[in-house]
Amino acid sequence: RIAAIALLFLNEEDAFWCLVYIVEVVMPLSYYSKQLIGAQVDQEVFKELVCEKLPSLAIHLENHGVDPALFSLNWFLCLFVDTLPVSTYLHIWDALLFEGSKVLFRYALAILKSIEEKLLRQNDYMSIFSTFRTEVESLSDVKNLTQIAFHDLNPFPLRSITNKREHHQKVLKAQMESLEVIRRDYRKNSLASKASSPCYVQSDEEEGI
């Protein structure tokens, strides 16, 4: 989707280098890797920021079992394409390319702040999601959104974002290593169980393990 939008305004070569710049320079490492490590880290950072900047909304979402990552992951991965009106996400792209990926947190929080009152009036999981979809798709007041993102949400130090990213990256790495140990143990026990079966015949693939 990012490449498709770039192609609307640039020739093929420039669109390619625009995509390379976004993936390799603007966004954190491993953002678009197979495991989406960078994106997963940013979702944890975003949830932490929601608790800090919008505590009432954070509590409301938690009480109704709504994880912000269910909608914000797509925002971050696709840079708000297919989420906001064209004129709105293009304005965000301008800020992103100029100031870096921290802008994503500013605008994501600004979106929530701009519809916070309506979300707080919803009393169940489905109505919250319905409100999200309806309100976000019609957010065309770029000036108001930018005012919230760059003024109402301040202070917003880069050092804080960097520290949060480093912390959650360490946590995620530990979780992934733990899962890998569990996976290896399961495989080992599964093979041992099969080998002890009188009807088991070892495959060539298993011989190489």
N, C-alpha and C. Protein backbone atom coordinates (compact mmCIF):
# COMPACT_ATOMS: atom_id res chain seq x y z
N ARG A 1 0.81 -1.21 0.00
CA ARG A 1 0.00 0.00 0.00
C ARG A 1 0.85 1.26 0.00
N ILE A 2 1.95 1.25 0.74
CA ILE A 2 2.83 2.41 0.78
C ILE A 2 3.41 2.69 -0.60
N ALA A 3 3.88 1.62 -1.27
CA ALA A 3 4.44 1.77 -2.61
C ALA A 3 3.38 2.26 -3.59
N ALA A 4 2.16 1.76 -3.45
CA ALA A 4 1.08 2.15 -4.35
C ALA A 4 0.78 3.63 -4.24
N ILE A 5 0.79 4.15 -3.02
CA ILE A 5 0.53 5.58 -2.82
C ILE A 5 1.69 6.41 -3.39
N ALA A 6 2.92 5.93 -3.17
CA ALA A 6 4.08 6.65 -3.71
C ALA A 6 4.01 6.74 -5.23
N LEU A 7 3.53 5.67 -5.86
CA LEU A 7 3.43 5.64 -7.33
C LEU A 7 2.40 6.62 -7.88
N LEU A 8 1.49 7.06 -7.04
CA LEU A 8 0.49 8.04 -7.49
C LEU A 8 1.12 9.41 -7.72
N PHE A 9 2.26 9.65 -7.07
CA PHE A 9 2.87 10.98 -7.13
C PHE A 9 4.28 10.98 -7.71
N LEU A 10 4.90 9.79 -7.82
CA LEU A 10 6.28 9.71 -8.27
C LEU A 10 6.42 8.71 -9.42
N ASN A 11 7.49 8.85 -10.19
CA ASN A 11 7.74 7.82 -11.20
C ASN A 11 8.24 6.55 -10.50
N GLU A 12 8.37 5.46 -11.25
CA GLU A 12 8.67 4.17 -10.63
C GLU A 12 9.97 4.17 -9.83
N GLU A 13 11.02 4.75 -10.40
CA GLU A 13 12.31 4.75 -9.71
C GLU A 13 12.26 5.58 -8.43
N ASP A 14 11.67 6.76 -8.51
CA ASP A 14 11.57 7.61 -7.32
C ASP A 14 10.68 6.97 -6.25
N ALA A 15 9.61 6.30 -6.70
CA ALA A 15 8.72 5.61 -5.76
C ALA A 15 9.48 4.49 -5.05
N PHE A 16 10.32 3.78 -5.80
CA PHE A 16 11.13 2.70 -5.22
C PHE A 16 12.05 3.26 -4.13
N TRP A 17 12.77 4.34 -4.44
CA TRP A 17 13.69 4.90 -3.46
C TRP A 17 12.97 5.55 -2.29
N CYS A 18 11.77 6.02 -2.53
CA CYS A 18 10.94 6.54 -1.43
C CYS A 18 10.61 5.42 -0.47
N LEU A 19 10.23 4.27 -1.03
CA LEU A 19 9.90 3.10 -0.20
C LEU A 19 11.14 2.64 0.58
N VAL A 20 12.29 2.59 -0.10
CA VAL A 20 13.54 2.20 0.56
C VAL A 20 13.85 3.14 1.72
N TYR A 21 13.68 4.44 1.49
CA TYR A 21 13.96 5.43 2.53
C TYR A 21 13.04 5.24 3.74
N ILE A 22 11.76 4.99 3.48
CA ILE A 22 10.82 4.79 4.58
C ILE A 22 11.16 3.54 5.38
N VAL A 23 11.38 2.43 4.68
CA VAL A 23 11.61 1.14 5.35
C VAL A 23 12.96 1.09 6.05
N GLU A 24 14.01 1.62 5.40
CA GLU A 24 15.36 1.44 5.93
C GLU A 24 15.90 2.62 6.74
N VAL A 25 15.29 3.79 6.56
CA VAL A 25 15.81 4.97 7.26
C VAL A 25 14.81 5.52 8.28
N VAL A 26 13.60 5.77 7.83
CA VAL A 26 12.61 6.41 8.69
C VAL A 26 12.10 5.48 9.79
N MET A 27 11.75 4.27 9.41
CA MET A 27 11.18 3.33 10.38
C MET A 27 12.27 2.57 11.13
N PRO A 28 11.98 2.14 12.35
CA PRO A 28 12.96 1.37 13.12
C PRO A 28 13.32 0.05 12.43
N LEU A 29 14.43 -0.55 12.84
CA LEU A 29 14.88 -1.82 12.26
C LEU A 29 13.83 -2.92 12.46
N SER A 30 13.74 -3.80 11.50
CA SER A 30 12.87 -5.00 11.57
C SER A 30 11.39 -4.66 11.63
N TYR A 31 11.02 -3.46 11.16
CA TYR A 31 9.61 -3.07 11.21
C TYR A 31 8.76 -3.92 10.28
N TYR A 32 9.31 -4.23 9.12
CA TYR A 32 8.57 -5.02 8.13
C TYR A 32 9.20 -6.40 7.94
N SER A 33 9.87 -6.89 8.97
CA SER A 33 10.44 -8.23 8.92
C SER A 33 9.34 -9.27 9.06
N LYS A 34 9.70 -10.53 8.90
CA LYS A 34 8.72 -11.62 8.97
C LYS A 34 7.96 -11.61 10.29
N GLN A 35 8.65 -11.30 11.37
CA GLN A 35 8.03 -11.32 12.70
C GLN A 35 7.54 -9.94 13.14
N LEU A 36 7.73 -8.94 12.29
CA LEU A 36 7.27 -7.58 12.59
C LEU A 36 7.74 -7.09 13.96
N ILE A 37 9.00 -7.36 14.26
CA ILE A 37 9.53 -7.05 15.58
C ILE A 37 9.42 -5.56 15.90
N GLY A 38 9.89 -4.72 14.99
CA GLY A 38 9.83 -3.28 15.22
C GLY A 38 8.40 -2.78 15.41
N ALA A 39 7.49 -3.33 14.62
CA ALA A 39 6.09 -2.92 14.71
C ALA A 39 5.48 -3.38 16.04
N GLN A 40 5.82 -4.59 16.47
CA GLN A 40 5.31 -5.09 17.75
C GLN A 40 5.80 -4.23 18.91
N VAL A 41 7.07 -3.85 18.85
CA VAL A 41 7.64 -2.99 19.89
C VAL A 41 6.88 -1.66 19.95
N ASP A 42 6.64 -1.07 18.79
CA ASP A 42 5.95 0.22 18.75
C ASP A 42 4.52 0.14 19.27
N GLN A 43 3.90 -1.01 19.13
CA GLN A 43 2.54 -1.16 19.66
C GLN A 43 2.55 -1.13 21.18
N GLU A 44 3.58 -1.73 21.77
CA GLU A 44 3.70 -1.69 23.22
C GLU A 44 4.02 -0.28 23.70
N VAL A 45 4.86 0.42 22.95
CA VAL A 45 5.17 1.82 23.27
C VAL A 45 3.90 2.67 23.17
N PHE A 46 3.13 2.44 22.12
CA PHE A 46 1.91 3.21 21.91
C PHE A 46 0.91 3.00 23.05
N LYS A 47 0.75 1.75 23.46
CA LYS A 47 -0.17 1.47 24.57
C LYS A 47 0.28 2.16 25.85
N GLU A 48 1.58 2.21 26.06
CA GLU A 48 2.12 2.91 27.23
C GLU A 48 1.83 4.40 27.14
N LEU A 49 1.98 4.96 25.94
CA LEU A 49 1.72 6.39 25.74
C LEU A 49 0.24 6.73 25.90
N VAL A 50 -0.64 5.83 25.47
CA VAL A 50 -2.07 6.04 25.66
C VAL A 50 -2.39 6.14 27.15
N CYS A 51 -1.76 5.28 27.95
CA CYS A 51 -1.97 5.32 29.40
C CYS A 51 -1.48 6.63 30.01
N GLU A 52 -0.37 7.15 29.46
CA GLU A 52 0.20 8.38 29.99
C GLU A 52 -0.56 9.63 29.54
N LYS A 53 -0.90 9.69 28.26
CA LYS A 53 -1.49 10.89 27.69
C LYS A 53 -3.02 10.91 27.77
N LEU A 54 -3.63 9.73 27.71
CA LEU A 54 -5.09 9.63 27.71
C LEU A 54 -5.54 8.57 28.72
N PRO A 55 -5.28 8.80 30.00
CA PRO A 55 -5.54 7.78 31.02
C PRO A 55 -7.00 7.34 31.12
N SER A 56 -7.93 8.28 30.99
CA SER A 56 -9.36 7.92 31.09
C SER A 56 -9.75 6.99 29.95
N LEU A 57 -9.28 7.29 28.75
CA LEU A 57 -9.59 6.45 27.60
C LEU A 57 -8.92 5.09 27.73
N ALA A 58 -7.70 5.06 28.22
CA ALA A 58 -6.98 3.80 28.40
C ALA A 58 -7.75 2.87 29.34
N ILE A 59 -8.24 3.42 30.43
CA ILE A 59 -9.01 2.62 31.40
C ILE A 59 -10.31 2.14 30.77
N HIS A 60 -10.97 3.02 30.02
CA HIS A 60 -12.24 2.68 29.37
C HIS A 60 -12.05 1.53 28.37
N LEU A 61 -11.00 1.62 27.56
CA LEU A 61 -10.74 0.56 26.58
C LEU A 61 -10.41 -0.76 27.27
N GLU A 62 -9.62 -0.68 28.33
CA GLU A 62 -9.25 -1.90 29.06
C GLU A 62 -10.48 -2.54 29.70
N ASN A 63 -11.37 -1.72 30.27
CA ASN A 63 -12.58 -2.24 30.92
C ASN A 63 -13.49 -2.98 29.94
N HIS A 64 -13.41 -2.60 28.66
CA HIS A 64 -14.25 -3.25 27.65
C HIS A 64 -13.47 -4.22 26.77
N GLY A 65 -12.26 -4.55 27.20
CA GLY A 65 -11.47 -5.57 26.50
C GLY A 65 -10.99 -5.16 25.12
N VAL A 66 -10.76 -3.86 24.93
CA VAL A 66 -10.30 -3.37 23.63
C VAL A 66 -8.81 -3.07 23.70
N ASP A 67 -8.04 -3.81 22.93
CA ASP A 67 -6.59 -3.59 22.85
C ASP A 67 -6.32 -2.57 21.74
N PRO A 68 -5.70 -1.43 22.05
CA PRO A 68 -5.42 -0.42 21.01
C PRO A 68 -4.68 -0.98 19.81
N ALA A 69 -3.86 -2.00 20.01
CA ALA A 69 -3.08 -2.59 18.91
C ALA A 69 -3.96 -3.21 17.84
N LEU A 70 -5.19 -3.53 18.17
CA LEU A 70 -6.09 -4.13 17.19
C LEU A 70 -6.36 -3.20 16.02
N PHE A 71 -6.29 -1.90 16.26
CA PHE A 71 -6.48 -0.95 15.15
C PHE A 71 -5.19 -0.19 14.85
N SER A 72 -4.37 0.07 15.86
CA SER A 72 -3.18 0.91 15.65
C SER A 72 -2.07 0.17 14.90
N LEU A 73 -2.02 -1.15 14.96
CA LEU A 73 -0.97 -1.88 14.23
C LEU A 73 -1.05 -1.57 12.73
N ASN A 74 -2.25 -1.58 12.20
CA ASN A 74 -2.42 -1.26 10.78
C ASN A 74 -2.08 0.21 10.49
N TRP A 75 -2.41 1.09 11.42
CA TRP A 75 -2.05 2.50 11.25
C TRP A 75 -0.55 2.66 11.05
N PHE A 76 0.22 2.01 11.91
CA PHE A 76 1.67 2.16 11.89
C PHE A 76 2.29 1.45 10.69
N LEU A 77 1.82 0.25 10.39
CA LEU A 77 2.41 -0.51 9.29
C LEU A 77 2.15 0.15 7.94
N CYS A 78 0.93 0.66 7.76
CA CYS A 78 0.55 1.25 6.47
C CYS A 78 0.60 2.78 6.48
N LEU A 79 1.13 3.35 7.57
CA LEU A 79 1.28 4.81 7.68
C LEU A 79 -0.05 5.52 7.45
N PHE A 80 -1.12 4.96 8.02
CA PHE A 80 -2.47 5.52 8.02
C PHE A 80 -3.18 5.46 6.67
N VAL A 81 -2.58 4.82 5.68
CA VAL A 81 -3.26 4.61 4.40
C VAL A 81 -4.44 3.66 4.64
N ASP A 82 -5.55 3.89 3.97
CA ASP A 82 -6.78 3.10 4.11
C ASP A 82 -7.44 3.29 5.48
N THR A 83 -6.95 4.25 6.25
CA THR A 83 -7.54 4.52 7.57
C THR A 83 -8.13 5.92 7.61
N LEU A 84 -7.33 6.88 7.20
CA LEU A 84 -7.73 8.28 7.20
C LEU A 84 -8.02 8.77 5.79
N PRO A 85 -8.73 9.88 5.65
CA PRO A 85 -8.91 10.48 4.31
C PRO A 85 -7.55 10.78 3.68
N VAL A 86 -7.51 10.77 2.34
CA VAL A 86 -6.25 10.95 1.62
C VAL A 86 -5.51 12.22 2.04
N SER A 87 -6.20 13.33 2.08
CA SER A 87 -5.55 14.60 2.41
C SER A 87 -4.94 14.58 3.81
N THR A 88 -5.57 13.81 4.71
CA THR A 88 -5.08 13.74 6.09
C THR A 88 -3.81 12.90 6.18
N TYR A 89 -3.83 11.70 5.57
CA TYR A 89 -2.63 10.87 5.71
C TYR A 89 -1.46 11.40 4.88
N LEU A 90 -1.72 12.13 3.81
CA LEU A 90 -0.62 12.73 3.06
C LEU A 90 0.07 13.82 3.89
N HIS A 91 -0.71 14.54 4.68
CA HIS A 91 -0.13 15.54 5.58
C HIS A 91 0.74 14.85 6.62
N ILE A 92 0.28 13.71 7.12
CA ILE A 92 1.07 12.95 8.10
C ILE A 92 2.36 12.44 7.46
N TRP A 93 2.27 12.00 6.20
CA TRP A 93 3.47 11.56 5.49
C TRP A 93 4.50 12.68 5.40
N ASP A 94 4.05 13.89 5.12
CA ASP A 94 4.97 15.04 5.04
C ASP A 94 5.74 15.18 6.36
N ALA A 95 5.02 15.11 7.46
CA ALA A 95 5.65 15.25 8.77
C ALA A 95 6.56 14.06 9.07
N LEU A 96 6.12 12.87 8.67
CA LEU A 96 6.90 11.65 8.90
C LEU A 96 8.24 11.71 8.18
N LEU A 97 8.22 12.07 6.91
CA LEU A 97 9.45 12.11 6.12
C LEU A 97 10.39 13.21 6.59
N PHE A 98 9.84 14.24 7.20
CA PHE A 98 10.67 15.35 7.67
C PHE A 98 11.19 15.12 9.09
N GLU A 99 10.34 14.56 9.98
CA GLU A 99 10.70 14.47 11.39
C GLU A 99 10.97 13.06 11.89
N GLY A 100 10.59 12.04 11.13
CA GLY A 100 10.87 10.68 11.56
C GLY A 100 9.66 9.97 12.16
N SER A 101 9.88 8.73 12.59
CA SER A 101 8.78 7.85 12.98
C SER A 101 8.07 8.27 14.27
N LYS A 102 8.66 9.15 15.06
CA LYS A 102 7.98 9.62 16.27
C LYS A 102 6.65 10.27 15.94
N VAL A 103 6.57 10.81 14.73
CA VAL A 103 5.35 11.46 14.27
C VAL A 103 4.16 10.50 14.30
N LEU A 104 4.40 9.23 14.05
CA LEU A 104 3.31 8.24 14.06
C LEU A 104 2.63 8.20 15.42
N PHE A 105 3.42 8.26 16.48
CA PHE A 105 2.84 8.25 17.83
C PHE A 105 2.04 9.52 18.07
N ARG A 106 2.58 10.65 17.64
CA ARG A 106 1.87 11.92 17.83
C ARG A 106 0.48 11.88 17.17
N TYR A 107 0.45 11.46 15.92
CA TYR A 107 -0.83 11.48 15.21
C TYR A 107 -1.77 10.37 15.66
N ALA A 108 -1.23 9.23 16.01
CA ALA A 108 -2.09 8.15 16.52
C ALA A 108 -2.77 8.58 17.81
N LEU A 109 -2.02 9.22 18.69
CA LEU A 109 -2.60 9.72 19.93
C LEU A 109 -3.57 10.88 19.65
N ALA A 110 -3.23 11.70 18.66
CA ALA A 110 -4.11 12.82 18.30
C ALA A 110 -5.46 12.31 17.80
N ILE A 111 -5.43 11.22 17.04
CA ILE A 111 -6.68 10.63 16.55
C ILE A 111 -7.55 10.20 17.74
N LEU A 112 -6.92 9.50 18.68
CA LEU A 112 -7.68 9.05 19.86
C LEU A 112 -8.20 10.24 20.67
N LYS A 113 -7.35 11.24 20.82
CA LYS A 113 -7.76 12.43 21.58
C LYS A 113 -8.94 13.13 20.92
N SER A 114 -8.93 13.20 19.60
CA SER A 114 -9.98 13.92 18.88
C SER A 114 -11.33 13.23 18.97
N ILE A 115 -11.33 11.92 19.18
CA ILE A 115 -12.61 11.19 19.28
C ILE A 115 -12.83 10.60 20.67
N GLU A 116 -12.02 11.03 21.62
CA GLU A 116 -12.06 10.46 22.97
C GLU A 116 -13.45 10.56 23.60
N GLU A 117 -14.07 11.73 23.53
CA GLU A 117 -15.37 11.91 24.18
C GLU A 117 -16.41 10.95 23.62
N LYS A 118 -16.39 10.75 22.31
CA LYS A 118 -17.36 9.83 21.69
C LYS A 118 -17.08 8.39 22.10
N LEU A 119 -15.82 8.04 22.21
CA LEU A 119 -15.47 6.68 22.61
C LEU A 119 -15.87 6.41 24.06
N LEU A 120 -15.70 7.41 24.91
CA LEU A 120 -16.04 7.25 26.32
C LEU A 120 -17.55 7.07 26.53
N ARG A 121 -18.35 7.49 25.56
CA ARG A 121 -19.80 7.33 25.67
C ARG A 121 -20.26 5.93 25.24
N GLN A 122 -19.37 5.16 24.65
CA GLN A 122 -19.73 3.81 24.21
C GLN A 122 -19.55 2.82 25.35
N ASN A 123 -20.49 1.89 25.47
CA ASN A 123 -20.49 1.01 26.64
C ASN A 123 -20.30 -0.47 26.33
N ASP A 124 -19.87 -0.78 25.13
CA ASP A 124 -19.58 -2.18 24.82
C ASP A 124 -18.53 -2.26 23.71
N TYR A 125 -17.95 -3.43 23.59
CA TYR A 125 -16.85 -3.69 22.65
C TYR A 125 -17.20 -3.32 21.21
N MET A 126 -18.36 -3.76 20.75
CA MET A 126 -18.74 -3.55 19.35
C MET A 126 -19.02 -2.09 19.04
N SER A 127 -19.65 -1.38 19.96
CA SER A 127 -19.96 0.03 19.70
C SER A 127 -18.68 0.87 19.69
N ILE A 128 -17.70 0.47 20.49
CA ILE A 128 -16.41 1.18 20.49
C ILE A 128 -15.74 1.02 19.13
N PHE A 129 -15.72 -0.21 18.61
CA PHE A 129 -15.10 -0.44 17.31
C PHE A 129 -15.87 0.24 16.19
N SER A 130 -17.17 0.23 16.28
CA SER A 130 -17.99 0.89 15.27
C SER A 130 -17.72 2.40 15.26
N THR A 131 -17.59 2.97 16.44
CA THR A 131 -17.30 4.40 16.55
C THR A 131 -15.91 4.71 15.99
N PHE A 132 -14.95 3.86 16.32
CA PHE A 132 -13.61 4.02 15.77
C PHE A 132 -13.66 4.11 14.25
N ARG A 133 -14.27 3.11 13.65
CA ARG A 133 -14.29 3.02 12.19
C ARG A 133 -14.97 4.24 11.57
N THR A 134 -16.11 4.60 12.09
CA THR A 134 -16.88 5.70 11.52
C THR A 134 -16.17 7.05 11.69
N GLU A 135 -15.68 7.30 12.89
CA GLU A 135 -15.08 8.60 13.19
C GLU A 135 -13.72 8.79 12.53
N VAL A 136 -12.90 7.74 12.55
CA VAL A 136 -11.55 7.86 12.00
C VAL A 136 -11.59 8.06 10.48
N GLU A 137 -12.50 7.37 9.81
CA GLU A 137 -12.60 7.49 8.36
C GLU A 137 -13.00 8.90 7.91
N SER A 138 -13.57 9.68 8.81
CA SER A 138 -14.03 11.02 8.45
C SER A 138 -13.19 12.15 9.04
N LEU A 139 -12.01 11.80 9.58
CA LEU A 139 -11.15 12.82 10.19
C LEU A 139 -10.43 13.62 9.11
N SER A 140 -11.05 14.67 8.66
CA SER A 140 -10.49 15.47 7.57
C SER A 140 -9.95 16.83 8.02
N ASP A 141 -10.14 17.16 9.30
CA ASP A 141 -9.67 18.44 9.82
C ASP A 141 -8.18 18.31 10.19
N VAL A 142 -7.33 18.44 9.20
CA VAL A 142 -5.88 18.25 9.40
C VAL A 142 -5.33 19.29 10.38
N LYS A 143 -5.81 20.50 10.28
CA LYS A 143 -5.32 21.57 11.15
C LYS A 143 -5.56 21.25 12.62
N ASN A 144 -6.75 20.79 12.93
CA ASN A 144 -7.08 20.44 14.32
C ASN A 144 -6.26 19.25 14.79
N LEU A 145 -6.12 18.25 13.92
CA LEU A 145 -5.36 17.05 14.27
C LEU A 145 -3.89 17.39 14.54
N THR A 146 -3.35 18.29 13.73
CA THR A 146 -1.95 18.70 13.90
C THR A 146 -1.78 19.54 15.16
N GLN A 147 -2.77 20.35 15.47
CA GLN A 147 -2.74 21.13 16.71
C GLN A 147 -2.66 20.21 17.92
N ILE A 148 -3.46 19.18 17.90
CA ILE A 148 -3.45 18.22 19.00
C ILE A 148 -2.11 17.48 19.06
N ALA A 149 -1.65 17.03 17.89
CA ALA A 149 -0.43 16.22 17.82
C ALA A 149 0.81 16.96 18.28
N PHE A 150 0.93 18.24 17.88
CA PHE A 150 2.17 18.96 18.13
C PHE A 150 2.09 20.01 19.24
N HIS A 151 0.90 20.20 19.80
CA HIS A 151 0.78 21.18 20.88
C HIS A 151 0.08 20.60 22.11
N ASP A 152 -1.11 20.08 21.92
CA ASP A 152 -1.88 19.60 23.07
C ASP A 152 -1.24 18.40 23.76
N LEU A 153 -0.50 17.58 23.02
CA LEU A 153 0.10 16.38 23.58
C LEU A 153 1.50 16.59 24.14
N ASN A 154 2.04 17.79 23.98
CA ASN A 154 3.37 18.08 24.52
C ASN A 154 3.36 18.05 26.05
N PRO A 155 4.52 17.71 26.68
CA PRO A 155 5.82 17.41 26.08
C PRO A 155 5.86 16.00 25.46
N PHE A 156 6.72 15.85 24.47
CA PHE A 156 6.80 14.58 23.74
C PHE A 156 8.27 14.34 23.35
N PRO A 157 9.16 14.17 24.33
CA PRO A 157 10.60 14.07 24.05
C PRO A 157 10.97 12.78 23.31
N LEU A 158 11.85 12.92 22.32
CA LEU A 158 12.32 11.76 21.57
C LEU A 158 13.04 10.77 22.47
N ARG A 159 13.76 11.28 23.46
CA ARG A 159 14.49 10.39 24.38
C ARG A 159 13.55 9.42 25.07
N SER A 160 12.36 9.91 25.44
CA SER A 160 11.38 9.05 26.10
C SER A 160 10.92 7.92 25.17
N ILE A 161 10.65 8.26 23.91
CA ILE A 161 10.24 7.25 22.92
C ILE A 161 11.36 6.23 22.73
N THR A 162 12.59 6.71 22.61
CA THR A 162 13.74 5.82 22.42
C THR A 162 13.90 4.87 23.59
N ASN A 163 13.78 5.40 24.80
CA ASN A 163 13.91 4.55 26.00
C ASN A 163 12.82 3.49 26.07
N LYS A 164 11.60 3.89 25.73
CA LYS A 164 10.49 2.94 25.74
C LYS A 164 10.70 1.86 24.69
N ARG A 165 11.16 2.26 23.52
CA ARG A 165 11.43 1.27 22.47
C ARG A 165 12.49 0.27 22.90
N GLU A 166 13.57 0.76 23.50
CA GLU A 166 14.64 -0.12 23.94
C GLU A 166 14.13 -1.09 25.01
N HIS A 167 13.32 -0.59 25.92
CA HIS A 167 12.78 -1.46 26.99
C HIS A 167 11.90 -2.56 26.41
N HIS A 168 10.95 -2.18 25.58
CA HIS A 168 10.02 -3.18 25.04
C HIS A 168 10.70 -4.12 24.05
N GLN A 169 11.76 -3.67 23.40
CA GLN A 169 12.50 -4.56 22.52
C GLN A 169 13.18 -5.66 23.33
N LYS A 170 13.73 -5.30 24.48
CA LYS A 170 14.35 -6.29 25.35
C LYS A 170 13.31 -7.30 25.86
N VAL A 171 12.15 -6.78 26.23
CA VAL A 171 11.07 -7.66 26.73
C VAL A 171 10.62 -8.61 25.64
N LEU A 172 10.42 -8.08 24.44
CA LEU A 172 9.97 -8.90 23.32
C LEU A 172 11.01 -9.95 22.96
N LYS A 173 12.28 -9.56 22.97
CA LYS A 173 13.36 -10.50 22.66
C LYS A 173 13.37 -11.65 23.66
N ALA A 174 13.20 -11.32 24.94
CA ALA A 174 13.17 -12.36 25.99
C ALA A 174 11.98 -13.30 25.78
N GLN A 175 10.83 -12.73 25.42
CA GLN A 175 9.63 -13.55 25.18
C GLN A 175 9.84 -14.49 23.99
N MET A 176 10.45 -13.99 22.93
CA MET A 176 10.68 -14.79 21.74
C MET A 176 11.69 -15.90 22.02
N GLU A 177 12.71 -15.61 22.81
CA GLU A 177 13.69 -16.64 23.18
C GLU A 177 13.04 -17.71 24.03
N SER A 178 12.16 -17.30 24.93
CA SER A 178 11.44 -18.26 25.77
C SER A 178 10.54 -19.16 24.93
N LEU A 179 9.86 -18.57 23.95
CA LEU A 179 9.00 -19.36 23.07
C LEU A 179 9.81 -20.33 22.23
N GLU A 180 11.01 -19.92 21.81
CA GLU A 180 11.86 -20.80 21.02
C GLU A 180 12.31 -22.00 21.84
N VAL A 181 12.61 -21.79 23.12
CA VAL A 181 12.98 -22.90 24.01
C VAL A 181 11.82 -23.87 24.14
N ILE A 182 10.61 -23.34 24.32
CA ILE A 182 9.42 -24.18 24.44
C ILE A 182 9.19 -24.97 23.15
N ARG A 183 9.40 -24.30 22.01
CA ARG A 183 9.22 -24.95 20.71
C ARG A 183 10.21 -26.09 20.51
N ARG A 184 11.47 -25.84 20.89
CA ARG A 184 12.49 -26.88 20.74
C ARG A 184 12.22 -28.07 21.64
N ASP A 185 11.78 -27.78 22.89
CA ASP A 185 11.48 -28.86 23.82
C ASP A 185 10.29 -29.69 23.33
N TYR A 186 9.31 -29.01 22.77
CA TYR A 186 8.13 -29.72 22.25
C TYR A 186 8.52 -30.64 21.10
N ARG A 187 9.34 -30.10 20.19
CA ARG A 187 9.81 -30.91 19.07
C ARG A 187 10.57 -32.14 19.56
N LYS A 188 11.48 -31.90 20.50
CA LYS A 188 12.31 -32.98 21.03
C LYS A 188 11.45 -34.06 21.68
N ASN A 189 10.50 -33.63 22.51
CA ASN A 189 9.61 -34.58 23.20
C ASN A 189 8.70 -35.30 22.21
N SER A 190 8.26 -34.57 21.17
CA SER A 190 7.39 -35.17 20.17
C SER A 190 8.13 -36.26 19.40
N LEU A 191 9.38 -35.99 19.02
CA LEU A 191 10.18 -36.98 18.30
C LEU A 191 10.49 -38.19 19.18
N ALA A 192 10.77 -37.91 20.46
CA ALA A 192 11.06 -39.01 21.39
C ALA A 192 9.85 -39.90 21.57
N SER A 193 8.67 -39.27 21.61
CA SER A 193 7.42 -40.03 21.77
C SER A 193 7.15 -40.90 20.55
N LYS A 194 7.41 -40.30 19.37
CA LYS A 194 7.21 -41.06 18.13
C LYS A 194 8.19 -42.23 18.04
N ALA A 195 9.44 -41.96 18.42
CA ALA A 195 10.49 -42.99 18.31
C ALA A 195 10.20 -44.19 19.20
N SER A 196 9.49 -43.94 20.31
CA SER A 196 9.19 -45.04 21.23
C SER A 196 7.98 -45.86 20.78
N SER A 197 7.28 -45.37 19.75
CA SER A 197 6.12 -46.09 19.26
C SER A 197 6.56 -47.26 18.38
N PRO A 198 5.99 -48.45 18.56
CA PRO A 198 6.39 -49.63 17.79
C PRO A 198 6.07 -49.50 16.30
N CYS A 199 5.16 -48.60 15.94
CA CYS A 199 4.77 -48.44 14.53
C CYS A 199 5.50 -47.28 13.86
N TYR A 200 6.43 -46.66 14.58
CA TYR A 200 7.09 -45.45 14.06
C TYR A 200 8.25 -45.79 13.13
N VAL A 201 8.28 -45.11 11.98
CA VAL A 201 9.38 -45.25 11.03
C VAL A 201 9.98 -43.86 10.83
N GLN A 202 11.27 -43.68 11.13
CA GLN A 202 11.91 -42.37 11.03
C GLN A 202 12.02 -41.92 9.59
N SER A 203 11.66 -40.65 9.34
CA SER A 203 11.74 -40.09 7.99
C SER A 203 13.14 -39.55 7.73
N ASP A 204 13.46 -39.36 6.46
CA ASP A 204 14.77 -38.80 6.11
C ASP A 204 14.96 -37.40 6.70
N GLU A 205 13.86 -36.62 6.76
CA GLU A 205 13.92 -35.27 7.29
C GLU A 205 14.28 -35.28 8.77
N GLU A 206 13.69 -36.22 9.52
CA GLU A 206 13.93 -36.31 10.95
C GLU A 206 15.34 -36.82 11.24
N GLU A 207 15.88 -37.63 10.35
CA GLU A 207 17.24 -38.13 10.53
C GLU A 207 18.24 -36.99 10.52
N GLY A 208 17.91 -35.93 9.79
CA GLY A 208 18.82 -34.80 9.67
C GLY A 208 18.69 -33.81 10.80
N ILE A 209 17.72 -33.97 11.70
CA ILE A 209 17.51 -33.03 12.79
C ILE A 209 18.57 -33.24 13.87
